[in-house]
Amino acid sequence: MTLLRVWFMVMVALGAAGATHAAGLPPGFVRLADVAPDIVQDLRYVSANNFTGRPVPGYEVADCWARRETAEALARVSQDAIRMGLRLVAYDCYRPQRATDAFVRWAADDADQIAKAAYYPSIDKRTLFAKGYIGRRSAHSAGIAVDVGLLDASGAPLDFGSPFDLFDPKSATASPRVSAQARRNRQTLKALLEPHGFTNYPREWWHYTLKGVNDPALYDFPIR
């Protein structure tokens, strides 16, 4: 077999592997780990460690997906954080629409309160829609929203005054109910993300959406 023939077969194999690798992604999406490997992934909805108390439909593996624009912007945020001696951590990225639908069903089931003490101790579950904590559509399903925080040089989470996904007024980015250090950490996170095109959802210090993406369609591809 000639060297040219060997080279051709290798290229075909690599191309097939690449097509298989990308086959499960929505159009224009990438794996965050391929674009920004320095970002730590602590994805909560693939496990029971979330406000529903169980793995969420659509999250079959712990892998952060996002539109390429979002991932590339996050890569720039990550480099800025590293220069400050910090690490960006992602709690949620692309969210299949079926997951959002599951959140809606969960919110309507008043008997299901297994995670109340950890995630909404002072909030009546029936008010979560009215208070803006849960919606029927999400920019996460378009791959342009991310839930993020910061870690210190040792890998420990910074103090943000409330944990990720706590449904409570003190999770609001500008809440005065948290310590001065927590307020500074929230402002640090905001100062890192905003210059790269992200805007914060004021009720949740961790939630940021990339601005300026044209026609952000919602998708329901499972993460697998």
N, C-alpha and C. Protein backbone atom coordinates (compact mmCIF):
# COMPACT_ATOMS: atom_id res chain seq x y z
N MET A 1 0.85 -1.20 0.00
CA MET A 1 0.00 0.00 0.00
C MET A 1 0.88 1.25 0.00
N THR A 2 0.61 2.19 -0.91
CA THR A 2 1.43 3.39 -1.01
C THR A 2 1.17 4.33 0.15
N LEU A 3 2.17 5.22 0.38
CA LEU A 3 2.01 6.21 1.44
C LEU A 3 0.83 7.12 1.16
N LEU A 4 0.59 7.43 -0.11
CA LEU A 4 -0.54 8.29 -0.47
C LEU A 4 -1.86 7.63 -0.09
N ARG A 5 -1.92 6.30 -0.36
CA ARG A 5 -3.14 5.55 -0.04
C ARG A 5 -3.37 5.53 1.47
N VAL A 6 -2.30 5.33 2.25
CA VAL A 6 -2.40 5.32 3.70
C VAL A 6 -2.88 6.68 4.20
N TRP A 7 -2.28 7.74 3.66
CA TRP A 7 -2.66 9.10 4.07
C TRP A 7 -4.14 9.35 3.80
N PHE A 8 -4.62 8.91 2.61
CA PHE A 8 -6.02 9.12 2.24
C PHE A 8 -6.94 8.39 3.21
N MET A 9 -6.61 7.16 3.57
CA MET A 9 -7.46 6.38 4.48
C MET A 9 -7.50 7.00 5.87
N VAL A 10 -6.37 7.52 6.32
CA VAL A 10 -6.33 8.19 7.63
C VAL A 10 -7.21 9.43 7.62
N MET A 11 -7.15 10.23 6.53
CA MET A 11 -7.97 11.44 6.45
C MET A 11 -9.46 11.10 6.44
N VAL A 12 -9.83 10.05 5.74
CA VAL A 12 -11.23 9.63 5.71
C VAL A 12 -11.68 9.21 7.09
N ALA A 13 -10.83 8.45 7.80
CA ALA A 13 -11.18 7.98 9.15
C ALA A 13 -11.34 9.15 10.11
N LEU A 14 -10.42 10.10 10.02
CA LEU A 14 -10.51 11.27 10.89
C LEU A 14 -11.75 12.09 10.58
N GLY A 15 -12.08 12.22 9.31
CA GLY A 15 -13.28 12.96 8.94
C GLY A 15 -14.53 12.29 9.46
N ALA A 16 -14.59 10.96 9.37
CA ALA A 16 -15.75 10.24 9.88
C ALA A 16 -15.88 10.38 11.39
N ALA A 17 -14.73 10.31 12.07
CA ALA A 17 -14.76 10.47 13.53
C ALA A 17 -15.25 11.85 13.91
N GLY A 18 -14.80 12.87 13.16
CA GLY A 18 -15.24 14.23 13.45
C GLY A 18 -16.72 14.40 13.22
N ALA A 19 -17.24 13.80 12.15
CA ALA A 19 -18.67 13.90 11.86
C ALA A 19 -19.48 13.23 12.95
N THR A 20 -19.01 12.06 13.41
CA THR A 20 -19.71 11.37 14.49
C THR A 20 -19.67 12.19 15.76
N HIS A 21 -18.54 12.81 16.06
CA HIS A 21 -18.38 13.59 17.27
C HIS A 21 -19.36 14.75 17.31
N ALA A 22 -19.59 15.39 16.13
CA ALA A 22 -20.44 16.58 16.10
C ALA A 22 -21.90 16.26 15.82
N ALA A 23 -22.21 14.99 15.53
CA ALA A 23 -23.55 14.64 15.07
C ALA A 23 -24.62 14.98 16.08
N GLY A 24 -24.32 14.86 17.38
CA GLY A 24 -25.34 15.10 18.38
C GLY A 24 -25.56 16.55 18.73
N LEU A 25 -24.74 17.46 18.22
CA LEU A 25 -24.83 18.87 18.55
C LEU A 25 -25.82 19.60 17.66
N PRO A 26 -26.57 20.55 18.21
CA PRO A 26 -27.41 21.39 17.35
C PRO A 26 -26.55 22.18 16.37
N PRO A 27 -27.12 22.66 15.29
CA PRO A 27 -26.35 23.43 14.30
C PRO A 27 -25.69 24.65 14.92
N GLY A 28 -24.39 24.82 14.63
CA GLY A 28 -23.67 25.98 15.12
C GLY A 28 -23.19 25.86 16.55
N PHE A 29 -23.36 24.70 17.17
CA PHE A 29 -22.97 24.48 18.55
C PHE A 29 -21.61 23.80 18.64
N VAL A 30 -20.97 23.95 19.80
CA VAL A 30 -19.71 23.28 20.09
C VAL A 30 -19.72 22.79 21.53
N ARG A 31 -18.81 21.90 21.81
CA ARG A 31 -18.57 21.50 23.20
C ARG A 31 -17.66 22.55 23.84
N LEU A 32 -18.05 23.06 24.99
CA LEU A 32 -17.24 24.09 25.64
C LEU A 32 -15.83 23.60 25.92
N ALA A 33 -15.69 22.33 26.27
CA ALA A 33 -14.36 21.79 26.58
C ALA A 33 -13.42 21.85 25.39
N ASP A 34 -13.98 21.85 24.17
CA ASP A 34 -13.13 21.92 22.98
C ASP A 34 -12.65 23.34 22.70
N VAL A 35 -13.38 24.32 23.19
CA VAL A 35 -13.07 25.72 22.92
C VAL A 35 -12.41 26.40 24.13
N ALA A 36 -12.87 26.04 25.32
CA ALA A 36 -12.36 26.67 26.54
C ALA A 36 -12.11 25.60 27.60
N PRO A 37 -11.06 24.80 27.43
CA PRO A 37 -10.81 23.69 28.36
C PRO A 37 -10.46 24.13 29.78
N ASP A 38 -10.10 25.40 29.95
CA ASP A 38 -9.76 25.89 31.30
C ASP A 38 -10.99 26.12 32.17
N ILE A 39 -12.18 26.14 31.57
CA ILE A 39 -13.39 26.36 32.36
C ILE A 39 -13.79 25.07 33.06
N VAL A 40 -13.95 25.13 34.36
CA VAL A 40 -14.37 23.97 35.14
C VAL A 40 -15.86 23.74 34.90
N GLN A 41 -16.26 22.48 34.76
CA GLN A 41 -17.67 22.16 34.56
C GLN A 41 -18.21 21.41 35.78
N ASP A 42 -19.18 22.02 36.45
CA ASP A 42 -19.86 21.42 37.60
C ASP A 42 -21.35 21.42 37.27
N LEU A 43 -21.72 20.58 36.32
CA LEU A 43 -23.06 20.62 35.74
C LEU A 43 -24.04 19.88 36.64
N ARG A 44 -25.04 20.60 37.12
CA ARG A 44 -25.89 20.08 38.18
C ARG A 44 -27.08 19.26 37.71
N TYR A 45 -27.61 19.54 36.52
CA TYR A 45 -28.87 18.91 36.14
C TYR A 45 -28.72 17.47 35.66
N VAL A 46 -27.51 17.01 35.48
CA VAL A 46 -27.30 15.61 35.11
C VAL A 46 -27.38 14.71 36.35
N SER A 47 -27.38 15.31 37.53
CA SER A 47 -27.43 14.55 38.80
C SER A 47 -28.69 14.96 39.58
N ALA A 48 -28.80 14.46 40.79
CA ALA A 48 -29.93 14.83 41.66
C ALA A 48 -29.63 16.10 42.44
N ASN A 49 -28.43 16.67 42.26
CA ASN A 49 -28.03 17.85 43.01
C ASN A 49 -28.57 19.12 42.34
N ASN A 50 -29.90 19.25 42.33
CA ASN A 50 -30.55 20.42 41.75
C ASN A 50 -31.92 20.59 42.41
N PHE A 51 -32.61 21.65 42.04
CA PHE A 51 -33.84 22.00 42.76
C PHE A 51 -34.99 21.02 42.55
N THR A 52 -34.89 20.13 41.54
CA THR A 52 -35.93 19.10 41.38
C THR A 52 -35.63 17.87 42.22
N GLY A 53 -34.39 17.73 42.66
CA GLY A 53 -34.02 16.58 43.47
C GLY A 53 -33.79 15.30 42.69
N ARG A 54 -33.67 15.40 41.36
CA ARG A 54 -33.47 14.23 40.51
C ARG A 54 -32.80 14.66 39.21
N PRO A 55 -32.17 13.73 38.47
CA PRO A 55 -31.62 14.10 37.16
C PRO A 55 -32.71 14.65 36.25
N VAL A 56 -32.36 15.62 35.45
CA VAL A 56 -33.33 16.33 34.62
C VAL A 56 -33.34 15.73 33.21
N PRO A 57 -34.53 15.52 32.61
CA PRO A 57 -34.60 14.97 31.25
C PRO A 57 -33.79 15.79 30.25
N GLY A 58 -33.09 15.09 29.37
CA GLY A 58 -32.29 15.75 28.35
C GLY A 58 -30.81 15.84 28.70
N TYR A 59 -30.49 15.69 29.99
CA TYR A 59 -29.09 15.72 30.44
C TYR A 59 -28.63 14.28 30.66
N GLU A 60 -28.07 13.67 29.62
CA GLU A 60 -27.66 12.27 29.72
C GLU A 60 -26.20 12.13 30.11
N VAL A 61 -25.39 13.16 29.83
CA VAL A 61 -23.99 13.19 30.25
C VAL A 61 -23.67 14.59 30.75
N ALA A 62 -22.63 14.70 31.54
CA ALA A 62 -22.19 16.01 32.05
C ALA A 62 -21.26 16.65 31.02
N ASP A 63 -21.82 17.41 30.11
CA ASP A 63 -21.04 18.02 29.03
C ASP A 63 -21.69 19.35 28.67
N CYS A 64 -20.93 20.42 28.77
CA CYS A 64 -21.45 21.75 28.48
C CYS A 64 -21.42 22.00 26.98
N TRP A 65 -22.59 22.25 26.39
CA TRP A 65 -22.69 22.64 24.99
C TRP A 65 -23.11 24.11 24.93
N ALA A 66 -22.75 24.79 23.86
CA ALA A 66 -23.14 26.18 23.67
C ALA A 66 -22.99 26.55 22.20
N ARG A 67 -23.67 27.61 21.79
CA ARG A 67 -23.39 28.14 20.46
C ARG A 67 -21.94 28.56 20.41
N ARG A 68 -21.34 28.46 19.22
CA ARG A 68 -19.93 28.78 19.09
C ARG A 68 -19.64 30.20 19.59
N GLU A 69 -20.50 31.15 19.27
CA GLU A 69 -20.26 32.53 19.72
C GLU A 69 -20.18 32.61 21.25
N THR A 70 -21.08 31.86 21.91
CA THR A 70 -21.10 31.85 23.37
C THR A 70 -19.83 31.23 23.92
N ALA A 71 -19.44 30.09 23.38
CA ALA A 71 -18.25 29.39 23.86
C ALA A 71 -16.99 30.23 23.66
N GLU A 72 -16.89 30.88 22.51
CA GLU A 72 -15.70 31.70 22.24
C GLU A 72 -15.64 32.91 23.15
N ALA A 73 -16.80 33.50 23.45
CA ALA A 73 -16.83 34.62 24.38
C ALA A 73 -16.46 34.16 25.79
N LEU A 74 -16.94 32.98 26.17
CA LEU A 74 -16.59 32.44 27.50
C LEU A 74 -15.10 32.13 27.58
N ALA A 75 -14.51 31.69 26.49
CA ALA A 75 -13.06 31.44 26.48
C ALA A 75 -12.30 32.72 26.79
N ARG A 76 -12.75 33.84 26.26
CA ARG A 76 -12.09 35.11 26.54
C ARG A 76 -12.30 35.53 27.99
N VAL A 77 -13.50 35.29 28.51
CA VAL A 77 -13.76 35.57 29.93
C VAL A 77 -12.83 34.72 30.80
N SER A 78 -12.70 33.45 30.44
CA SER A 78 -11.86 32.54 31.21
C SER A 78 -10.42 33.03 31.27
N GLN A 79 -9.89 33.51 30.16
CA GLN A 79 -8.51 34.00 30.15
C GLN A 79 -8.35 35.23 31.05
N ASP A 80 -9.34 36.09 31.05
CA ASP A 80 -9.30 37.26 31.95
C ASP A 80 -9.33 36.81 33.40
N ALA A 81 -10.16 35.80 33.70
CA ALA A 81 -10.25 35.30 35.07
C ALA A 81 -8.92 34.68 35.52
N ILE A 82 -8.31 33.92 34.63
CA ILE A 82 -7.03 33.27 34.96
C ILE A 82 -5.97 34.32 35.27
N ARG A 83 -5.98 35.41 34.53
CA ARG A 83 -5.01 36.48 34.81
C ARG A 83 -5.22 37.10 36.18
N MET A 84 -6.42 36.95 36.73
CA MET A 84 -6.72 37.45 38.07
C MET A 84 -6.49 36.39 39.14
N GLY A 85 -6.03 35.22 38.74
CA GLY A 85 -5.82 34.13 39.69
C GLY A 85 -7.10 33.38 40.01
N LEU A 86 -8.10 33.46 39.11
CA LEU A 86 -9.39 32.82 39.33
C LEU A 86 -9.68 31.83 38.21
N ARG A 87 -10.70 30.99 38.42
CA ARG A 87 -11.16 30.05 37.38
C ARG A 87 -12.66 30.21 37.22
N LEU A 88 -13.12 30.18 35.99
CA LEU A 88 -14.55 30.21 35.72
C LEU A 88 -15.10 28.80 35.87
N VAL A 89 -16.29 28.67 36.48
CA VAL A 89 -16.95 27.38 36.61
C VAL A 89 -18.34 27.50 36.01
N ALA A 90 -18.73 26.50 35.20
CA ALA A 90 -20.04 26.48 34.56
C ALA A 90 -20.95 25.48 35.26
N TYR A 91 -22.15 25.95 35.63
CA TYR A 91 -23.15 25.09 36.27
C TYR A 91 -24.21 24.60 35.29
N ASP A 92 -24.47 25.39 34.25
CA ASP A 92 -25.40 24.97 33.20
C ASP A 92 -25.09 25.78 31.95
N CYS A 93 -25.28 25.15 30.80
CA CYS A 93 -25.02 25.80 29.50
C CYS A 93 -26.25 25.60 28.65
N TYR A 94 -26.09 24.95 27.48
CA TYR A 94 -27.27 24.62 26.67
C TYR A 94 -28.19 23.72 27.47
N ARG A 95 -29.49 24.02 27.37
CA ARG A 95 -30.52 23.25 28.10
C ARG A 95 -31.56 22.77 27.10
N PRO A 96 -31.71 21.48 26.87
CA PRO A 96 -32.75 21.01 25.96
C PRO A 96 -34.13 21.51 26.39
N GLN A 97 -34.99 21.80 25.42
CA GLN A 97 -36.33 22.29 25.75
C GLN A 97 -37.08 21.31 26.63
N ARG A 98 -36.83 20.02 26.47
CA ARG A 98 -37.51 19.03 27.30
C ARG A 98 -37.17 19.21 28.79
N ALA A 99 -35.98 19.74 29.07
CA ALA A 99 -35.61 20.02 30.46
C ALA A 99 -36.44 21.18 31.01
N THR A 100 -36.59 22.23 30.21
CA THR A 100 -37.42 23.35 30.63
C THR A 100 -38.86 22.89 30.82
N ASP A 101 -39.35 22.03 29.93
CA ASP A 101 -40.70 21.49 30.09
C ASP A 101 -40.83 20.69 31.39
N ALA A 102 -39.77 19.96 31.74
CA ALA A 102 -39.78 19.21 33.00
C ALA A 102 -39.83 20.15 34.20
N PHE A 103 -39.13 21.28 34.10
CA PHE A 103 -39.19 22.27 35.18
C PHE A 103 -40.61 22.81 35.35
N VAL A 104 -41.29 23.03 34.23
CA VAL A 104 -42.67 23.53 34.27
C VAL A 104 -43.58 22.51 34.95
N ARG A 105 -43.45 21.24 34.59
CA ARG A 105 -44.26 20.19 35.23
C ARG A 105 -43.94 20.09 36.71
N TRP A 106 -42.65 20.17 37.05
CA TRP A 106 -42.25 20.11 38.45
C TRP A 106 -42.86 21.25 39.25
N ALA A 107 -42.85 22.44 38.68
CA ALA A 107 -43.38 23.61 39.38
C ALA A 107 -44.88 23.49 39.62
N ALA A 108 -45.57 22.76 38.74
CA ALA A 108 -47.02 22.60 38.88
C ALA A 108 -47.40 21.50 39.87
N ASP A 109 -46.43 20.70 40.29
CA ASP A 109 -46.69 19.59 41.21
C ASP A 109 -46.39 20.04 42.63
N ASP A 110 -47.40 20.54 43.30
CA ASP A 110 -47.19 21.10 44.64
C ASP A 110 -46.82 20.03 45.66
N ALA A 111 -47.11 18.78 45.36
CA ALA A 111 -46.79 17.70 46.30
C ALA A 111 -45.31 17.36 46.30
N ASP A 112 -44.61 17.73 45.26
CA ASP A 112 -43.19 17.41 45.13
C ASP A 112 -42.37 18.53 45.77
N GLN A 113 -41.91 18.30 46.99
CA GLN A 113 -41.16 19.31 47.74
C GLN A 113 -39.85 18.75 48.26
N ILE A 114 -39.29 17.71 47.60
CA ILE A 114 -38.15 17.00 48.16
C ILE A 114 -36.89 17.85 48.26
N ALA A 115 -36.78 18.92 47.44
CA ALA A 115 -35.58 19.75 47.49
C ALA A 115 -35.85 21.14 48.07
N LYS A 116 -36.99 21.32 48.70
CA LYS A 116 -37.37 22.65 49.19
C LYS A 116 -36.36 23.22 50.17
N ALA A 117 -35.93 22.42 51.14
CA ALA A 117 -35.04 22.94 52.19
C ALA A 117 -33.74 23.49 51.60
N ALA A 118 -33.25 22.89 50.54
CA ALA A 118 -31.97 23.30 49.97
C ALA A 118 -32.10 24.41 48.94
N TYR A 119 -33.22 24.47 48.21
CA TYR A 119 -33.28 25.35 47.04
C TYR A 119 -34.35 26.44 47.09
N TYR A 120 -35.40 26.29 47.88
CA TYR A 120 -36.40 27.36 47.96
C TYR A 120 -37.08 27.36 49.33
N PRO A 121 -36.27 27.44 50.40
CA PRO A 121 -36.82 27.30 51.76
C PRO A 121 -37.82 28.39 52.14
N SER A 122 -37.68 29.58 51.58
CA SER A 122 -38.56 30.69 51.99
C SER A 122 -39.53 31.11 50.90
N ILE A 123 -39.61 30.31 49.82
CA ILE A 123 -40.46 30.66 48.68
C ILE A 123 -41.53 29.59 48.51
N ASP A 124 -42.77 30.02 48.32
CA ASP A 124 -43.86 29.11 47.98
C ASP A 124 -43.65 28.66 46.54
N LYS A 125 -43.56 27.36 46.34
CA LYS A 125 -43.29 26.81 45.02
C LYS A 125 -44.26 27.33 43.96
N ARG A 126 -45.49 27.59 44.35
CA ARG A 126 -46.51 28.03 43.40
C ARG A 126 -46.24 29.44 42.87
N THR A 127 -45.33 30.17 43.50
CA THR A 127 -45.05 31.55 43.07
C THR A 127 -43.79 31.65 42.20
N LEU A 128 -43.15 30.54 41.88
CA LEU A 128 -41.87 30.58 41.17
C LEU A 128 -41.99 31.22 39.78
N PHE A 129 -43.11 30.99 39.09
CA PHE A 129 -43.30 31.63 37.78
C PHE A 129 -43.47 33.13 37.95
N ALA A 130 -44.35 33.51 38.87
CA ALA A 130 -44.64 34.94 39.07
C ALA A 130 -43.40 35.71 39.50
N LYS A 131 -42.54 35.07 40.26
CA LYS A 131 -41.33 35.73 40.76
C LYS A 131 -40.18 35.70 39.75
N GLY A 132 -40.37 35.03 38.63
CA GLY A 132 -39.36 35.05 37.58
C GLY A 132 -38.24 34.04 37.74
N TYR A 133 -38.43 33.02 38.57
CA TYR A 133 -37.37 32.03 38.75
C TYR A 133 -37.45 30.91 37.72
N ILE A 134 -38.64 30.65 37.18
CA ILE A 134 -38.84 29.60 36.19
C ILE A 134 -39.69 30.16 35.05
N GLY A 135 -39.34 29.80 33.81
CA GLY A 135 -40.12 30.22 32.66
C GLY A 135 -40.36 29.06 31.72
N ARG A 136 -41.30 29.24 30.80
CA ARG A 136 -41.62 28.18 29.84
C ARG A 136 -40.63 28.13 28.68
N ARG A 137 -39.87 29.17 28.48
CA ARG A 137 -38.84 29.23 27.46
C ARG A 137 -37.57 29.78 28.10
N SER A 138 -36.43 29.39 27.57
CA SER A 138 -35.18 29.83 28.16
C SER A 138 -34.13 30.06 27.08
N ALA A 139 -33.35 31.12 27.26
CA ALA A 139 -32.22 31.37 26.35
C ALA A 139 -31.18 30.25 26.44
N HIS A 140 -31.22 29.46 27.52
CA HIS A 140 -30.34 28.29 27.62
C HIS A 140 -30.59 27.34 26.44
N SER A 141 -31.85 27.20 26.04
CA SER A 141 -32.19 26.27 24.96
C SER A 141 -31.74 26.78 23.60
N ALA A 142 -31.35 28.05 23.54
CA ALA A 142 -30.76 28.60 22.31
C ALA A 142 -29.24 28.54 22.34
N GLY A 143 -28.69 28.09 23.45
CA GLY A 143 -27.23 27.99 23.55
C GLY A 143 -26.53 29.31 23.79
N ILE A 144 -27.28 30.35 24.21
CA ILE A 144 -26.67 31.67 24.41
C ILE A 144 -26.69 32.10 25.87
N ALA A 145 -27.22 31.26 26.76
CA ALA A 145 -27.23 31.58 28.19
C ALA A 145 -26.38 30.56 28.94
N VAL A 146 -25.72 31.03 29.98
CA VAL A 146 -24.89 30.17 30.83
C VAL A 146 -25.09 30.55 32.29
N ASP A 147 -24.92 29.57 33.15
CA ASP A 147 -24.92 29.80 34.60
C ASP A 147 -23.50 29.55 35.07
N VAL A 148 -22.87 30.57 35.64
CA VAL A 148 -21.44 30.49 35.95
C VAL A 148 -21.12 31.08 37.32
N GLY A 149 -19.96 30.70 37.83
CA GLY A 149 -19.42 31.27 39.05
C GLY A 149 -17.90 31.32 38.94
N LEU A 150 -17.25 31.54 40.08
CA LEU A 150 -15.80 31.65 40.09
C LEU A 150 -15.21 30.78 41.18
N LEU A 151 -14.02 30.23 40.91
CA LEU A 151 -13.25 29.48 41.88
C LEU A 151 -11.96 30.23 42.16
N ASP A 152 -11.40 30.03 43.36
CA ASP A 152 -10.11 30.64 43.66
C ASP A 152 -8.98 29.75 43.14
N ALA A 153 -7.75 30.15 43.40
CA ALA A 153 -6.60 29.42 42.87
C ALA A 153 -6.52 27.99 43.36
N SER A 154 -7.12 27.71 44.51
CA SER A 154 -7.10 26.35 45.05
C SER A 154 -8.25 25.50 44.53
N GLY A 155 -9.16 26.12 43.77
CA GLY A 155 -10.31 25.39 43.26
C GLY A 155 -11.54 25.50 44.13
N ALA A 156 -11.49 26.30 45.19
CA ALA A 156 -12.64 26.48 46.08
C ALA A 156 -13.57 27.56 45.52
N PRO A 157 -14.88 27.36 45.61
CA PRO A 157 -15.81 28.38 45.11
C PRO A 157 -15.69 29.68 45.91
N LEU A 158 -15.76 30.81 45.22
CA LEU A 158 -15.84 32.08 45.91
C LEU A 158 -17.20 32.19 46.60
N ASP A 159 -17.26 33.02 47.64
CA ASP A 159 -18.50 33.23 48.38
C ASP A 159 -19.36 34.24 47.62
N PHE A 160 -20.50 33.76 47.10
CA PHE A 160 -21.43 34.65 46.41
C PHE A 160 -22.66 34.95 47.26
N GLY A 161 -22.66 34.53 48.50
CA GLY A 161 -23.76 34.86 49.40
C GLY A 161 -24.95 33.94 49.33
N SER A 162 -25.08 33.22 48.24
CA SER A 162 -26.13 32.21 48.08
C SER A 162 -25.63 31.21 47.05
N PRO A 163 -26.03 29.95 47.18
CA PRO A 163 -25.56 28.95 46.22
C PRO A 163 -26.27 29.06 44.89
N PHE A 164 -25.69 28.47 43.86
CA PHE A 164 -26.32 28.40 42.55
C PHE A 164 -27.72 27.81 42.65
N ASP A 165 -28.67 28.43 41.97
CA ASP A 165 -30.06 27.98 41.86
C ASP A 165 -30.85 28.09 43.16
N LEU A 166 -30.39 28.87 44.12
CA LEU A 166 -31.22 29.12 45.29
C LEU A 166 -32.30 30.12 44.89
N PHE A 167 -33.57 29.72 45.00
CA PHE A 167 -34.68 30.61 44.68
C PHE A 167 -34.97 31.44 45.92
N ASP A 168 -34.43 32.64 45.95
CA ASP A 168 -34.54 33.48 47.13
C ASP A 168 -34.15 34.91 46.74
N PRO A 169 -34.76 35.93 47.36
CA PRO A 169 -34.39 37.31 47.02
C PRO A 169 -32.90 37.61 47.17
N LYS A 170 -32.21 36.92 48.07
CA LYS A 170 -30.79 37.22 48.25
C LYS A 170 -29.93 36.72 47.10
N SER A 171 -30.51 35.92 46.18
CA SER A 171 -29.77 35.52 44.98
C SER A 171 -29.75 36.61 43.92
N ALA A 172 -30.57 37.65 44.09
CA ALA A 172 -30.54 38.78 43.16
C ALA A 172 -29.14 39.38 43.16
N THR A 173 -28.64 39.71 42.00
CA THR A 173 -27.26 40.17 41.87
C THR A 173 -26.93 41.34 42.78
N ALA A 174 -27.86 42.28 42.91
CA ALA A 174 -27.61 43.48 43.71
C ALA A 174 -28.21 43.39 45.10
N SER A 175 -28.53 42.18 45.56
CA SER A 175 -29.17 42.04 46.87
C SER A 175 -28.30 42.60 47.99
N PRO A 176 -28.90 43.40 48.90
CA PRO A 176 -28.15 43.89 50.06
C PRO A 176 -28.13 42.89 51.21
N ARG A 177 -28.75 41.72 51.00
CA ARG A 177 -28.88 40.73 52.08
C ARG A 177 -27.67 39.83 52.23
N VAL A 178 -26.65 40.05 51.42
CA VAL A 178 -25.45 39.22 51.51
C VAL A 178 -24.28 40.06 52.01
N SER A 179 -23.19 39.40 52.35
CA SER A 179 -22.04 40.10 52.92
C SER A 179 -21.37 41.01 51.90
N ALA A 180 -20.55 41.92 52.39
CA ALA A 180 -19.81 42.82 51.51
C ALA A 180 -18.89 42.04 50.59
N GLN A 181 -18.27 40.97 51.11
CA GLN A 181 -17.39 40.15 50.26
C GLN A 181 -18.17 39.46 49.14
N ALA A 182 -19.35 38.96 49.47
CA ALA A 182 -20.18 38.32 48.45
C ALA A 182 -20.60 39.33 47.38
N ARG A 183 -20.91 40.55 47.80
CA ARG A 183 -21.27 41.58 46.82
C ARG A 183 -20.08 41.90 45.91
N ARG A 184 -18.90 41.94 46.48
CA ARG A 184 -17.70 42.20 45.66
C ARG A 184 -17.47 41.07 44.67
N ASN A 185 -17.68 39.83 45.12
CA ASN A 185 -17.49 38.69 44.22
C ASN A 185 -18.50 38.70 43.08
N ARG A 186 -19.72 39.09 43.37
CA ARG A 186 -20.72 39.20 42.31
C ARG A 186 -20.33 40.27 41.30
N GLN A 187 -19.81 41.37 41.79
CA GLN A 187 -19.38 42.44 40.89
C GLN A 187 -18.16 42.03 40.08
N THR A 188 -17.28 41.23 40.67
CA THR A 188 -16.13 40.71 39.93
C THR A 188 -16.59 39.84 38.78
N LEU A 189 -17.55 38.94 39.05
CA LEU A 189 -18.08 38.07 38.00
C LEU A 189 -18.71 38.91 36.89
N LYS A 190 -19.49 39.89 37.29
CA LYS A 190 -20.15 40.76 36.31
C LYS A 190 -19.13 41.53 35.48
N ALA A 191 -18.09 42.03 36.14
CA ALA A 191 -17.06 42.81 35.44
C ALA A 191 -16.26 41.94 34.47
N LEU A 192 -16.18 40.66 34.73
CA LEU A 192 -15.49 39.75 33.82
C LEU A 192 -16.34 39.44 32.59
N LEU A 193 -17.64 39.27 32.76
CA LEU A 193 -18.50 38.82 31.68
C LEU A 193 -19.02 39.94 30.79
N GLU A 194 -19.36 41.07 31.37
CA GLU A 194 -20.00 42.12 30.58
C GLU A 194 -19.15 42.65 29.43
N PRO A 195 -17.84 42.84 29.61
CA PRO A 195 -17.04 43.34 28.48
C PRO A 195 -17.01 42.40 27.27
N HIS A 196 -17.40 41.14 27.47
CA HIS A 196 -17.38 40.16 26.40
C HIS A 196 -18.78 39.89 25.85
N GLY A 197 -19.71 40.80 26.12
CA GLY A 197 -21.02 40.74 25.49
C GLY A 197 -22.11 40.06 26.28
N PHE A 198 -21.87 39.70 27.51
CA PHE A 198 -22.87 39.03 28.32
C PHE A 198 -23.64 40.03 29.18
N THR A 199 -24.93 39.74 29.37
CA THR A 199 -25.75 40.55 30.26
C THR A 199 -26.33 39.67 31.36
N ASN A 200 -26.40 40.20 32.55
CA ASN A 200 -26.85 39.44 33.71
C ASN A 200 -28.37 39.49 33.87
N TYR A 201 -28.95 38.39 34.35
CA TYR A 201 -30.35 38.37 34.76
C TYR A 201 -30.39 38.82 36.22
N PRO A 202 -30.99 39.96 36.52
CA PRO A 202 -30.83 40.57 37.86
C PRO A 202 -31.30 39.72 39.02
N ARG A 203 -32.20 38.77 38.81
CA ARG A 203 -32.69 37.94 39.92
C ARG A 203 -31.72 36.82 40.28
N GLU A 204 -30.73 36.55 39.40
CA GLU A 204 -29.82 35.43 39.62
C GLU A 204 -28.40 35.87 39.33
N TRP A 205 -27.55 35.91 40.33
CA TRP A 205 -26.18 36.40 40.14
C TRP A 205 -25.39 35.54 39.15
N TRP A 206 -25.80 34.29 38.94
CA TRP A 206 -25.03 33.34 38.12
C TRP A 206 -25.46 33.32 36.65
N HIS A 207 -26.59 33.94 36.29
CA HIS A 207 -27.18 33.76 34.97
C HIS A 207 -26.78 34.89 34.02
N TYR A 208 -26.14 34.53 32.90
CA TYR A 208 -25.70 35.50 31.90
C TYR A 208 -26.10 35.04 30.50
N THR A 209 -26.50 36.00 29.67
CA THR A 209 -26.92 35.73 28.30
C THR A 209 -26.07 36.56 27.33
N LEU A 210 -25.61 35.92 26.26
CA LEU A 210 -24.82 36.61 25.26
C LEU A 210 -25.74 37.48 24.39
N LYS A 211 -25.42 38.74 24.28
CA LYS A 211 -26.22 39.68 23.48
C LYS A 211 -25.80 39.62 22.01
N GLY A 212 -26.74 40.07 21.15
CA GLY A 212 -26.40 40.30 19.75
C GLY A 212 -26.38 39.08 18.86
N VAL A 213 -26.92 37.95 19.30
CA VAL A 213 -26.96 36.75 18.46
C VAL A 213 -28.25 36.79 17.64
N ASN A 214 -28.14 36.74 16.33
CA ASN A 214 -29.31 36.80 15.46
C ASN A 214 -30.06 35.47 15.43
N ASP A 215 -31.38 35.56 15.48
CA ASP A 215 -32.25 34.39 15.33
C ASP A 215 -31.84 33.23 16.22
N PRO A 216 -31.85 33.41 17.54
CA PRO A 216 -31.44 32.32 18.44
C PRO A 216 -32.57 31.29 18.62
N ALA A 217 -32.63 30.31 17.73
CA ALA A 217 -33.66 29.27 17.79
C ALA A 217 -33.48 28.41 19.03
N LEU A 218 -34.59 27.89 19.56
CA LEU A 218 -34.56 26.99 20.70
C LEU A 218 -34.46 25.55 20.20
N TYR A 219 -33.68 24.72 20.90
CA TYR A 219 -33.45 23.35 20.48
C TYR A 219 -33.82 22.37 21.58
N ASP A 220 -34.07 21.11 21.15
CA ASP A 220 -34.40 20.06 22.10
C ASP A 220 -33.53 18.84 21.91
N PHE A 221 -32.30 19.02 21.42
CA PHE A 221 -31.36 17.91 21.29
C PHE A 221 -30.92 17.46 22.69
N PRO A 222 -31.04 16.18 23.04
CA PRO A 222 -30.51 15.73 24.33
C PRO A 222 -28.99 15.81 24.35
N ILE A 223 -28.44 16.03 25.52
CA ILE A 223 -26.98 16.09 25.69
C ILE A 223 -26.51 14.67 25.97
N ARG A 224 -25.81 14.10 25.01
CA ARG A 224 -25.38 12.70 25.17
C ARG A 224 -24.02 12.47 24.54
